[in-house]
């Protein structure tokens, strides 16, 4: 599936829509691979330059994966800012109910750049355990290609602007490394993230209210958003209405049985 046109246009700082630029924009986007696995054995480097595999970052919890590059002058920063804002609204904590993995898709970037970027976003996301809950990684070209191909993330180098052209969005993964949901954009609805995490965790996080909301809201892969499932909501409302009426009838009958019978008067 192709990324949204608006997001693709944001991928370049140049406003010129020449033929070459149009060709580049056709090459970038997200192809959804829902239910497919990511390469858990892919070799990465953490913020300290230590080797780690993608699978080691899951910790038995769902993962929000964001693919960015740290020297990006515009779109990546806007996207990460939007993610930080959404995470601050969530009642879930990174490192407790879920993990966040930000991976640079530029193989030339170093652990020092990753550490500097992490420092910036930890000042914006000051939750307990945030340092371990939101990781910033780098990798070589082989690992980057393996992960980006697995999640359907298509990007290209634009020689005119000397920047990468790429889509914006995050991928929500299950604790076992399957692709659960894609959420597009540079502003991420906290409700979308919460429902995606609850679904990815198979109900192991969240509240009964979240489970109820999943009955009323349905994921739309074309928009990467959750919307009201009208027919499902109508059915649920109908069931609740019938249940309320039955409860009322049963209550009234019990009250009638509990009332003492009046003694007839004698003249």
C-alpha atoms as a PDB file:
ATOM      1  CA  UNK A   1       0.000   0.000   0.000  1.00  0.00           C
ATOM      2  CA  UNK A   2       1.315   3.418  -0.907  1.00  0.00           C
ATOM      3  CA  UNK A   3       1.901   6.071   1.739  1.00  0.00           C
ATOM      4  CA  UNK A   4      -0.300   9.138   1.898  1.00  0.00           C
ATOM      5  CA  UNK A   5       0.530  11.798  -0.683  1.00  0.00           C
ATOM      6  CA  UNK A   6       0.779  14.562   1.897  1.00  0.00           C
ATOM      7  CA  UNK A   7       3.408  12.675   3.855  1.00  0.00           C
ATOM      8  CA  UNK A   8       5.422  11.996   0.745  1.00  0.00           C
ATOM      9  CA  UNK A   9       5.458  15.655  -0.184  1.00  0.00           C
ATOM     10  CA  UNK A  10       6.831  16.495   3.232  1.00  0.00           C
ATOM     11  CA  UNK A  11       9.776  14.195   2.595  1.00  0.00           C
ATOM     12  CA  UNK A  12      11.618  16.856   0.609  1.00  0.00           C
ATOM     13  CA  UNK A  13      12.536  20.426   1.485  1.00  0.00           C
ATOM     14  CA  UNK A  14      12.295  21.413  -2.168  1.00  0.00           C
ATOM     15  CA  UNK A  15       8.952  22.774  -3.336  1.00  0.00           C
ATOM     16  CA  UNK A  16       9.637  22.050  -7.004  1.00  0.00           C
ATOM     17  CA  UNK A  17       7.408  19.332  -8.440  1.00  0.00           C
ATOM     18  CA  UNK A  18       9.526  18.515 -11.490  1.00  0.00           C
ATOM     19  CA  UNK A  19       9.462  15.217 -13.274  1.00  0.00           C
ATOM     20  CA  UNK A  20      12.454  13.826 -11.375  1.00  0.00           C
ATOM     21  CA  UNK A  21      10.856  14.635  -8.034  1.00  0.00           C
ATOM     22  CA  UNK A  22       7.594  13.011  -9.079  1.00  0.00           C
ATOM     23  CA  UNK A  23       9.506   9.891 -10.011  1.00  0.00           C
ATOM     24  CA  UNK A  24      11.151   9.776  -6.573  1.00  0.00           C
ATOM     25  CA  UNK A  25       7.828  10.218  -4.802  1.00  0.00           C
ATOM     26  CA  UNK A  26       6.461   7.200  -6.642  1.00  0.00           C
ATOM     27  CA  UNK A  27       9.233   5.058  -5.180  1.00  0.00           C
ATOM     28  CA  UNK A  28       8.587   5.799  -1.512  1.00  0.00           C
ATOM     29  CA  UNK A  29       5.823   4.720   0.850  1.00  0.00           C
ATOM     30  CA  UNK A  30       4.631   1.897   3.079  1.00  0.00           C
ATOM     31  CA  UNK A  31       3.636  -1.531   1.790  1.00  0.00           C
ATOM     32  CA  UNK A  32       1.586  -3.177   4.527  1.00  0.00           C
ATOM     33  CA  UNK A  33       2.709  -6.647   5.579  1.00  0.00           C
ATOM     34  CA  UNK A  34       0.244  -7.232   8.409  1.00  0.00           C
ATOM     35  CA  UNK A  35       0.916 -10.448  10.272  1.00  0.00           C
ATOM     36  CA  UNK A  36       4.389 -10.908   8.778  1.00  0.00           C
ATOM     37  CA  UNK A  37       7.460 -11.299  11.021  1.00  0.00           C
ATOM     38  CA  UNK A  38      10.337  -8.881  11.350  1.00  0.00           C
ATOM     39  CA  UNK A  39      13.925 -10.217  11.398  1.00  0.00           C
ATOM     40  CA  UNK A  40      14.445 -10.586  15.154  1.00  0.00           C
ATOM     41  CA  UNK A  41      18.079 -11.602  14.615  1.00  0.00           C
ATOM     42  CA  UNK A  42      19.002  -8.408  12.738  1.00  0.00           C
ATOM     43  CA  UNK A  43      22.231  -6.969  14.168  1.00  0.00           C
ATOM     44  CA  UNK A  44      21.990  -3.407  15.519  1.00  0.00           C
ATOM     45  CA  UNK A  45      24.096  -0.993  17.574  1.00  0.00           C
ATOM     46  CA  UNK A  46      22.659   0.747  20.621  1.00  0.00           C
ATOM     47  CA  UNK A  47      23.306   4.297  21.828  1.00  0.00           C
ATOM     48  CA  UNK A  48      26.552   3.168  23.489  1.00  0.00           C
ATOM     49  CA  UNK A  49      27.779   1.416  20.358  1.00  0.00           C
ATOM     50  CA  UNK A  50      27.146  -2.047  21.810  1.00  0.00           C
ATOM     51  CA  UNK A  51      25.880  -4.851  19.585  1.00  0.00           C
ATOM     52  CA  UNK A  52      22.274  -5.925  20.108  1.00  0.00           C
ATOM     53  CA  UNK A  53      19.723  -7.827  18.047  1.00  0.00           C
ATOM     54  CA  UNK A  54      16.282  -6.512  17.243  1.00  0.00           C
ATOM     55  CA  UNK A  55      14.708  -9.358  19.211  1.00  0.00           C
ATOM     56  CA  UNK A  56      16.549  -8.347  22.409  1.00  0.00           C
ATOM     57  CA  UNK A  57      14.658  -5.048  22.432  1.00  0.00           C
ATOM     58  CA  UNK A  58      11.182  -6.586  22.785  1.00  0.00           C
ATOM     59  CA  UNK A  59      11.286  -7.729  26.433  1.00  0.00           C
ATOM     60  CA  UNK A  60       8.005  -9.630  26.035  1.00  0.00           C
ATOM     61  CA  UNK A  61       6.072  -6.458  25.231  1.00  0.00           C
ATOM     62  CA  UNK A  62       4.688  -4.884  22.021  1.00  0.00           C
ATOM     63  CA  UNK A  63       7.027  -2.518  20.211  1.00  0.00           C
ATOM     64  CA  UNK A  64       6.467   0.773  18.401  1.00  0.00           C
ATOM     65  CA  UNK A  65       9.037   0.849  15.589  1.00  0.00           C
ATOM     66  CA  UNK A  66       9.923   4.164  13.979  1.00  0.00           C
ATOM     67  CA  UNK A  67      12.326   4.339  11.042  1.00  0.00           C
ATOM     68  CA  UNK A  68      14.059   7.702  10.783  1.00  0.00           C
ATOM     69  CA  UNK A  69      17.527   9.093  10.246  1.00  0.00           C
ATOM     70  CA  UNK A  70      19.089  11.387  12.792  1.00  0.00           C
ATOM     71  CA  UNK A  71      20.503  14.021  10.415  1.00  0.00           C
ATOM     72  CA  UNK A  72      17.125  14.500   8.733  1.00  0.00           C
ATOM     73  CA  UNK A  73      16.472  18.260   8.626  1.00  0.00           C
ATOM     74  CA  UNK A  74      12.697  18.175   8.677  1.00  0.00           C
ATOM     75  CA  UNK A  75      10.340  15.202   8.349  1.00  0.00           C
ATOM     76  CA  UNK A  76      12.025  12.870  10.855  1.00  0.00           C
ATOM     77  CA  UNK A  77      12.143  15.587  13.493  1.00  0.00           C
ATOM     78  CA  UNK A  78       8.480  16.449  12.947  1.00  0.00           C
ATOM     79  CA  UNK A  79       7.568  12.754  13.099  1.00  0.00           C
ATOM     80  CA  UNK A  80       9.559  12.102  16.283  1.00  0.00           C
ATOM     81  CA  UNK A  81       8.100  15.230  17.883  1.00  0.00           C
ATOM     82  CA  UNK A  82       4.612  13.938  17.079  1.00  0.00           C
ATOM     83  CA  UNK A  83       5.455  10.533  18.536  1.00  0.00           C
ATOM     84  CA  UNK A  84       6.819  12.088  21.739  1.00  0.00           C
ATOM     85  CA  UNK A  85       3.652  14.172  22.124  1.00  0.00           C
ATOM     86  CA  UNK A  86       1.440  11.116  21.700  1.00  0.00           C
ATOM     87  CA  UNK A  87       3.516   9.050  24.144  1.00  0.00           C
ATOM     88  CA  UNK A  88       3.190  11.778  26.764  1.00  0.00           C
ATOM     89  CA  UNK A  89      -0.607  11.561  26.520  1.00  0.00           C
ATOM     90  CA  UNK A  90      -0.715   7.749  26.764  1.00  0.00           C
ATOM     91  CA  UNK A  91      -1.318   6.320  30.220  1.00  0.00           C
ATOM     92  CA  UNK A  92       0.934   3.403  29.260  1.00  0.00           C
ATOM     93  CA  UNK A  93       4.650   3.791  29.977  1.00  0.00           C
ATOM     94  CA  UNK A  94       7.445   2.858  27.573  1.00  0.00           C
ATOM     95  CA  UNK A  95       9.550   0.208  29.271  1.00  0.00           C
ATOM     96  CA  UNK A  96       6.565  -1.070  31.248  1.00  0.00           C
ATOM     97  CA  UNK A  97       3.640  -1.831  28.910  1.00  0.00           C
ATOM     98  CA  UNK A  98       5.493  -1.428  25.605  1.00  0.00           C
ATOM     99  CA  UNK A  99       8.838  -0.528  24.005  1.00  0.00           C
ATOM    100  CA  UNK A 100       9.785   2.125  21.446  1.00  0.00           C
ATOM    101  CA  UNK A 101      12.572   1.395  18.951  1.00  0.00           C
ATOM    102  CA  UNK A 102      13.812   4.194  16.711  1.00  0.00           C
ATOM    103  CA  UNK A 103      16.199   2.949  14.036  1.00  0.00           C
ATOM    104  CA  UNK A 104      18.227   5.071  11.633  1.00  0.00           C
ATOM    105  CA  UNK A 105      18.000   3.841   8.060  1.00  0.00           C
ATOM    106  CA  UNK A 106      21.215   5.702   7.134  1.00  0.00           C
ATOM    107  CA  UNK A 107      24.076   3.186   7.557  1.00  0.00           C
ATOM    108  CA  UNK A 108      26.587   6.054   7.840  1.00  0.00           C
ATOM    109  CA  UNK A 109      25.103   7.334  11.084  1.00  0.00           C
ATOM    110  CA  UNK A 110      26.868   6.515  14.338  1.00  0.00           C
ATOM    111  CA  UNK A 111      26.001   5.619  17.900  1.00  0.00           C
ATOM    112  CA  UNK A 112      27.032   9.125  18.949  1.00  0.00           C
ATOM    113  CA  UNK A 113      24.291  10.594  16.757  1.00  0.00           C
ATOM    114  CA  UNK A 114      21.812   8.098  18.193  1.00  0.00           C
ATOM    115  CA  UNK A 115      22.806   9.015  21.757  1.00  0.00           C
ATOM    116  CA  UNK A 116      22.457  12.740  21.019  1.00  0.00           C
ATOM    117  CA  UNK A 117      19.005  12.239  19.519  1.00  0.00           C
ATOM    118  CA  UNK A 118      17.949  10.097  22.466  1.00  0.00           C
ATOM    119  CA  UNK A 119      19.057  12.808  24.908  1.00  0.00           C
ATOM    120  CA  UNK A 120      16.802  15.306  23.126  1.00  0.00           C
ATOM    121  CA  UNK A 121      13.731  13.094  23.315  1.00  0.00           C
ATOM    122  CA  UNK A 122      14.258  11.957  26.880  1.00  0.00           C
ATOM    123  CA  UNK A 123      13.883  15.612  27.860  1.00  0.00           C
ATOM    124  CA  UNK A 124      10.453  15.496  26.192  1.00  0.00           C
ATOM    125  CA  UNK A 125       9.402  12.084  27.465  1.00  0.00           C
ATOM    126  CA  UNK A 126      10.226  11.949  31.156  1.00  0.00           C
ATOM    127  CA  UNK A 127       8.473   8.802  32.281  1.00  0.00           C
ATOM    128  CA  UNK A 128       9.975   6.272  34.713  1.00  0.00           C
ATOM    129  CA  UNK A 129      12.075   3.798  32.752  1.00  0.00           C
ATOM    130  CA  UNK A 130      12.079   5.945  29.601  1.00  0.00           C
ATOM    131  CA  UNK A 131      15.823   5.480  29.057  1.00  0.00           C
ATOM    132  CA  UNK A 132      15.336   1.729  28.629  1.00  0.00           C
ATOM    133  CA  UNK A 133      11.859   2.000  27.139  1.00  0.00           C
ATOM    134  CA  UNK A 134      12.779   4.219  24.169  1.00  0.00           C
ATOM    135  CA  UNK A 135      15.886   3.050  22.326  1.00  0.00           C
ATOM    136  CA  UNK A 136      17.730   4.781  19.478  1.00  0.00           C
ATOM    137  CA  UNK A 137      19.657   2.433  17.213  1.00  0.00           C
ATOM    138  CA  UNK A 138      21.952   2.355  14.201  1.00  0.00           C
ATOM    139  CA  UNK A 139      22.874  -0.530  11.900  1.00  0.00           C
ATOM    140  CA  UNK A 140      24.693  -1.542   8.752  1.00  0.00           C
ATOM    141  CA  UNK A 141      23.039  -1.590   5.351  1.00  0.00           C
ATOM    142  CA  UNK A 142      22.241  -5.308   5.459  1.00  0.00           C
ATOM    143  CA  UNK A 143      20.256  -5.088   8.696  1.00  0.00           C
ATOM    144  CA  UNK A 144      18.548  -1.867   7.637  1.00  0.00           C
ATOM    145  CA  UNK A 145      17.422  -3.418   4.372  1.00  0.00           C
ATOM    146  CA  UNK A 146      16.197  -6.561   6.111  1.00  0.00           C
ATOM    147  CA  UNK A 147      14.045  -4.593   8.576  1.00  0.00           C
ATOM    148  CA  UNK A 148      12.770  -1.987   6.113  1.00  0.00           C
ATOM    149  CA  UNK A 149      11.844  -4.697   3.599  1.00  0.00           C
ATOM    150  CA  UNK A 150      10.058  -6.718   6.274  1.00  0.00           C
ATOM    151  CA  UNK A 151       7.841  -3.769   7.286  1.00  0.00           C
ATOM    152  CA  UNK A 152       7.426  -2.474   3.720  1.00  0.00           C
ATOM    153  CA  UNK A 153       9.224   0.825   4.332  1.00  0.00           C
ATOM    154  CA  UNK A 154      10.364   2.236   0.960  1.00  0.00           C
ATOM    155  CA  UNK A 155      12.782   5.158   0.810  1.00  0.00           C
ATOM    156  CA  UNK A 156      15.309   6.576  -1.678  1.00  0.00           C
ATOM    157  CA  UNK A 157      18.246   8.964  -1.692  1.00  0.00           C
ATOM    158  CA  UNK A 158      17.472  12.264  -3.443  1.00  0.00           C
ATOM    159  CA  UNK A 159      20.713  13.531  -5.028  1.00  0.00           C
ATOM    160  CA  UNK A 160      19.182  16.934  -5.713  1.00  0.00           C
ATOM    161  CA  UNK A 161      18.470  17.752  -2.075  1.00  0.00           C
ATOM    162  CA  UNK A 162      21.158  15.439  -0.649  1.00  0.00           C
ATOM    163  CA  UNK A 163      18.524  13.951   1.625  1.00  0.00           C
ATOM    164  CA  UNK A 164      16.556  10.745   1.952  1.00  0.00           C
ATOM    165  CA  UNK A 165      12.993  10.855   0.668  1.00  0.00           C
ATOM    166  CA  UNK A 166      10.787   8.655   2.831  1.00  0.00           C
ATOM    167  CA  UNK A 167       7.269   8.247   4.242  1.00  0.00           C
ATOM    168  CA  UNK A 168       6.233   9.071   7.805  1.00  0.00           C
ATOM    169  CA  UNK A 169       4.618   6.643  10.200  1.00  0.00           C
ATOM    170  CA  UNK A 170       5.232   4.008  12.839  1.00  0.00           C
ATOM    171  CA  UNK A 171       4.777   0.248  12.874  1.00  0.00           C
ATOM    172  CA  UNK A 172       3.326  -1.517  15.916  1.00  0.00           C
ATOM    173  CA  UNK A 173       4.738  -5.021  16.466  1.00  0.00           C
ATOM    174  CA  UNK A 174       3.548  -7.869  18.668  1.00  0.00           C
ATOM    175  CA  UNK A 175       5.778  -9.186  21.494  1.00  0.00           C
ATOM    176  CA  UNK A 176       6.772 -12.075  19.227  1.00  0.00           C
ATOM    177  CA  UNK A 177       7.767  -9.772  16.364  1.00  0.00           C
ATOM    178  CA  UNK A 178       4.766  -9.860  14.019  1.00  0.00           C
ATOM    179  CA  UNK A 179       3.527  -6.719  12.297  1.00  0.00           C
ATOM    180  CA  UNK A 180       0.244  -5.740  13.968  1.00  0.00           C
ATOM    181  CA  UNK A 181      -0.593  -2.224  12.798  1.00  0.00           C
ATOM    182  CA  UNK A 182       0.680   0.743  10.767  1.00  0.00           C
ATOM    183  CA  UNK A 183      -0.090   4.277  11.910  1.00  0.00           C
ATOM    184  CA  UNK A 184       0.687   6.966   9.346  1.00  0.00           C
ATOM    185  CA  UNK A 185       1.476  10.636   9.720  1.00  0.00           C
ATOM    186  CA  UNK A 186       3.555  13.041  11.737  1.00  0.00           C
ATOM    187  CA  UNK A 187       0.893  13.420  14.428  1.00  0.00           C
ATOM    188  CA  UNK A 188      -0.136  10.182  16.091  1.00  0.00           C
ATOM    189  CA  UNK A 189      -3.515   9.969  17.782  1.00  0.00           C
ATOM    190  CA  UNK A 190      -3.005   8.668  21.336  1.00  0.00           C
ATOM    191  CA  UNK A 191      -6.214   6.655  20.970  1.00  0.00           C
ATOM    192  CA  UNK A 192      -4.874   5.000  17.802  1.00  0.00           C
ATOM    193  CA  UNK A 193      -1.592   4.133  19.522  1.00  0.00           C
ATOM    194  CA  UNK A 194      -3.335   2.821  22.622  1.00  0.00           C
ATOM    195  CA  UNK A 195      -5.741   0.580  20.715  1.00  0.00           C
ATOM    196  CA  UNK A 196      -2.941  -0.670  18.457  1.00  0.00           C
ATOM    197  CA  UNK A 197      -0.814  -1.581  21.493  1.00  0.00           C
ATOM    198  CA  UNK A 198      -3.731  -3.313  23.224  1.00  0.00           C
ATOM    199  CA  UNK A 199      -4.410  -5.338  20.079  1.00  0.00           C
ATOM    200  CA  UNK A 200      -0.709  -6.147  19.569  1.00  0.00           C
ATOM    201  CA  UNK A 201      -0.458  -7.329  23.183  1.00  0.00           C
ATOM    202  CA  UNK A 202      -3.528  -9.567  22.697  1.00  0.00           C
ATOM    203  CA  UNK A 203      -5.314  -7.893  25.593  1.00  0.00           C
ATOM    204  CA  UNK A 204      -2.497  -8.379  28.113  1.00  0.00           C
ATOM    205  CA  UNK A 205      -2.296  -4.625  28.695  1.00  0.00           C
ATOM    206  CA  UNK A 206      -5.034  -2.055  29.080  1.00  0.00           C
ATOM    207  CA  UNK A 207      -8.375  -2.135  30.865  1.00  0.00           C
ATOM    208  CA  UNK A 208     -11.790  -3.719  30.196  1.00  0.00           C
ATOM    209  CA  UNK A 209     -12.744  -0.355  28.708  1.00  0.00           C
ATOM    210  CA  UNK A 210     -10.011  -0.780  26.082  1.00  0.00           C
ATOM    211  CA  UNK A 211     -11.389  -4.212  25.199  1.00  0.00           C
ATOM    212  CA  UNK A 212     -14.864  -2.703  24.859  1.00  0.00           C
ATOM    213  CA  UNK A 213     -13.533   0.107  22.635  1.00  0.00           C
ATOM    214  CA  UNK A 214     -11.965  -2.474  20.347  1.00  0.00           C
ATOM    215  CA  UNK A 215     -15.470  -3.820  19.806  1.00  0.00           C
ATOM    216  CA  UNK A 216     -16.672  -0.367  18.784  1.00  0.00           C
ATOM    217  CA  UNK A 217     -13.637   0.760  16.790  1.00  0.00           C
ATOM    218  CA  UNK A 218     -12.108  -0.933  13.784  1.00  0.00           C
ATOM    219  CA  UNK A 219      -8.647  -0.506  12.259  1.00  0.00           C
ATOM    220  CA  UNK A 220      -8.655   0.857   8.702  1.00  0.00           C
ATOM    221  CA  UNK A 221      -5.442  -0.184   6.889  1.00  0.00           C
ATOM    222  CA  UNK A 222      -5.968   2.412   4.153  1.00  0.00           C
ATOM    223  CA  UNK A 223      -5.710   5.304   6.615  1.00  0.00           C
ATOM    224  CA  UNK A 224      -3.728   3.714   9.433  1.00  0.00           C
ATOM    225  CA  UNK A 225      -6.391   4.895  11.886  1.00  0.00           C
ATOM    226  CA  UNK A 226      -9.143   3.453  14.061  1.00  0.00           C
ATOM    227  CA  UNK A 227     -12.697   4.458  13.193  1.00  0.00           C
ATOM    228  CA  UNK A 228     -16.110   3.665  14.580  1.00  0.00           C
ATOM    229  CA  UNK A 229     -17.421   0.326  13.375  1.00  0.00           C
ATOM    230  CA  UNK A 230     -20.997   1.513  12.767  1.00  0.00           C
ATOM    231  CA  UNK A 231     -22.802  -1.807  12.363  1.00  0.00           C
ATOM    232  CA  UNK A 232     -20.860  -3.384  15.216  1.00  0.00           C
ATOM    233  CA  UNK A 233     -21.639  -0.406  17.451  1.00  0.00           C
ATOM    234  CA  UNK A 234     -25.342  -0.595  16.538  1.00  0.00           C
ATOM    235  CA  UNK A 235     -25.428  -4.309  17.391  1.00  0.00           C
ATOM    236  CA  UNK A 236     -23.690  -3.714  20.725  1.00  0.00           C
ATOM    237  CA  UNK A 237     -26.090  -0.867  21.527  1.00  0.00           C
ATOM    238  CA  UNK A 238     -29.014  -3.129  20.661  1.00  0.00           C
ATOM    239  CA  UNK A 239     -27.710  -5.908  22.896  1.00  0.00           C
ATOM    240  CA  UNK A 240     -27.191  -3.467  25.773  1.00  0.00           C
ATOM    241  CA  UNK A 241     -30.699  -2.080  25.300  1.00  0.00           C
ATOM    242  CA  UNK A 242     -32.273  -5.539  25.376  1.00  0.00           C
ATOM    243  CA  UNK A 243     -30.174  -6.467  28.408  1.00  0.00           C
ATOM    244  CA  UNK A 244     -31.299  -3.296  30.202  1.00  0.00           C
ATOM    245  CA  UNK A 245     -34.973  -4.037  29.457  1.00  0.00           C
ATOM    246  CA  UNK A 246     -34.666  -7.628  30.679  1.00  0.00           C
ATOM    247  CA  UNK A 247     -32.954  -6.429  33.861  1.00  0.00           C
ATOM    248  CA  UNK A 248     -35.752  -3.895  34.433  1.00  0.00           C
ATOM    249  CA  UNK A 249     -38.488  -6.510  33.886  1.00  0.00           C
ATOM    250  CA  UNK A 250     -36.829  -9.043  36.200  1.00  0.00           C
ATOM    251  CA  UNK A 251     -36.346  -6.388  38.878  1.00  0.00           C
ATOM    252  CA  UNK A 252     -39.986  -5.323  38.727  1.00  0.00           C
ATOM    253  CA  UNK A 253     -41.195  -8.936  38.946  1.00  0.00           C
ATOM    254  CA  UNK A 254     -39.035  -9.581  41.999  1.00  0.00           C
ATOM    255  CA  UNK A 255     -40.422  -6.490  43.668  1.00  0.00           C
ATOM    256  CA  UNK A 256     -43.978  -7.680  42.985  1.00  0.00           C
ATOM    257  CA  UNK A 257     -43.226 -11.087  44.518  1.00  0.00           C
ATOM    258  CA  UNK A 258     -41.583  -9.491  47.557  1.00  0.00           C
ATOM    259  CA  UNK A 259     -44.570  -7.215  48.284  1.00  0.00           C
ATOM    260  CA  UNK A 260     -46.939  -8.697  50.942  1.00  0.00           C
ATOM    261  CA  UNK A 261     -50.425  -9.466  49.712  1.00  0.00           C
ATOM    262  CA  UNK A 262     -53.075  -7.076  51.059  1.00  0.00           C
ATOM    263  CA  UNK A 263     -55.510  -8.629  53.596  1.00  0.00           C
ATOM    264  CA  UNK A 264     -59.132  -8.233  52.443  1.00  0.00           C
ATOM    265  CA  UNK A 265     -61.308  -6.049  54.720  1.00  0.00           C
ATOM    266  CA  UNK A 266     -64.369  -7.524  56.395  1.00  0.00           C
ATOM    267  CA  UNK A 267     -67.523  -5.466  56.993  1.00  0.00           C
END
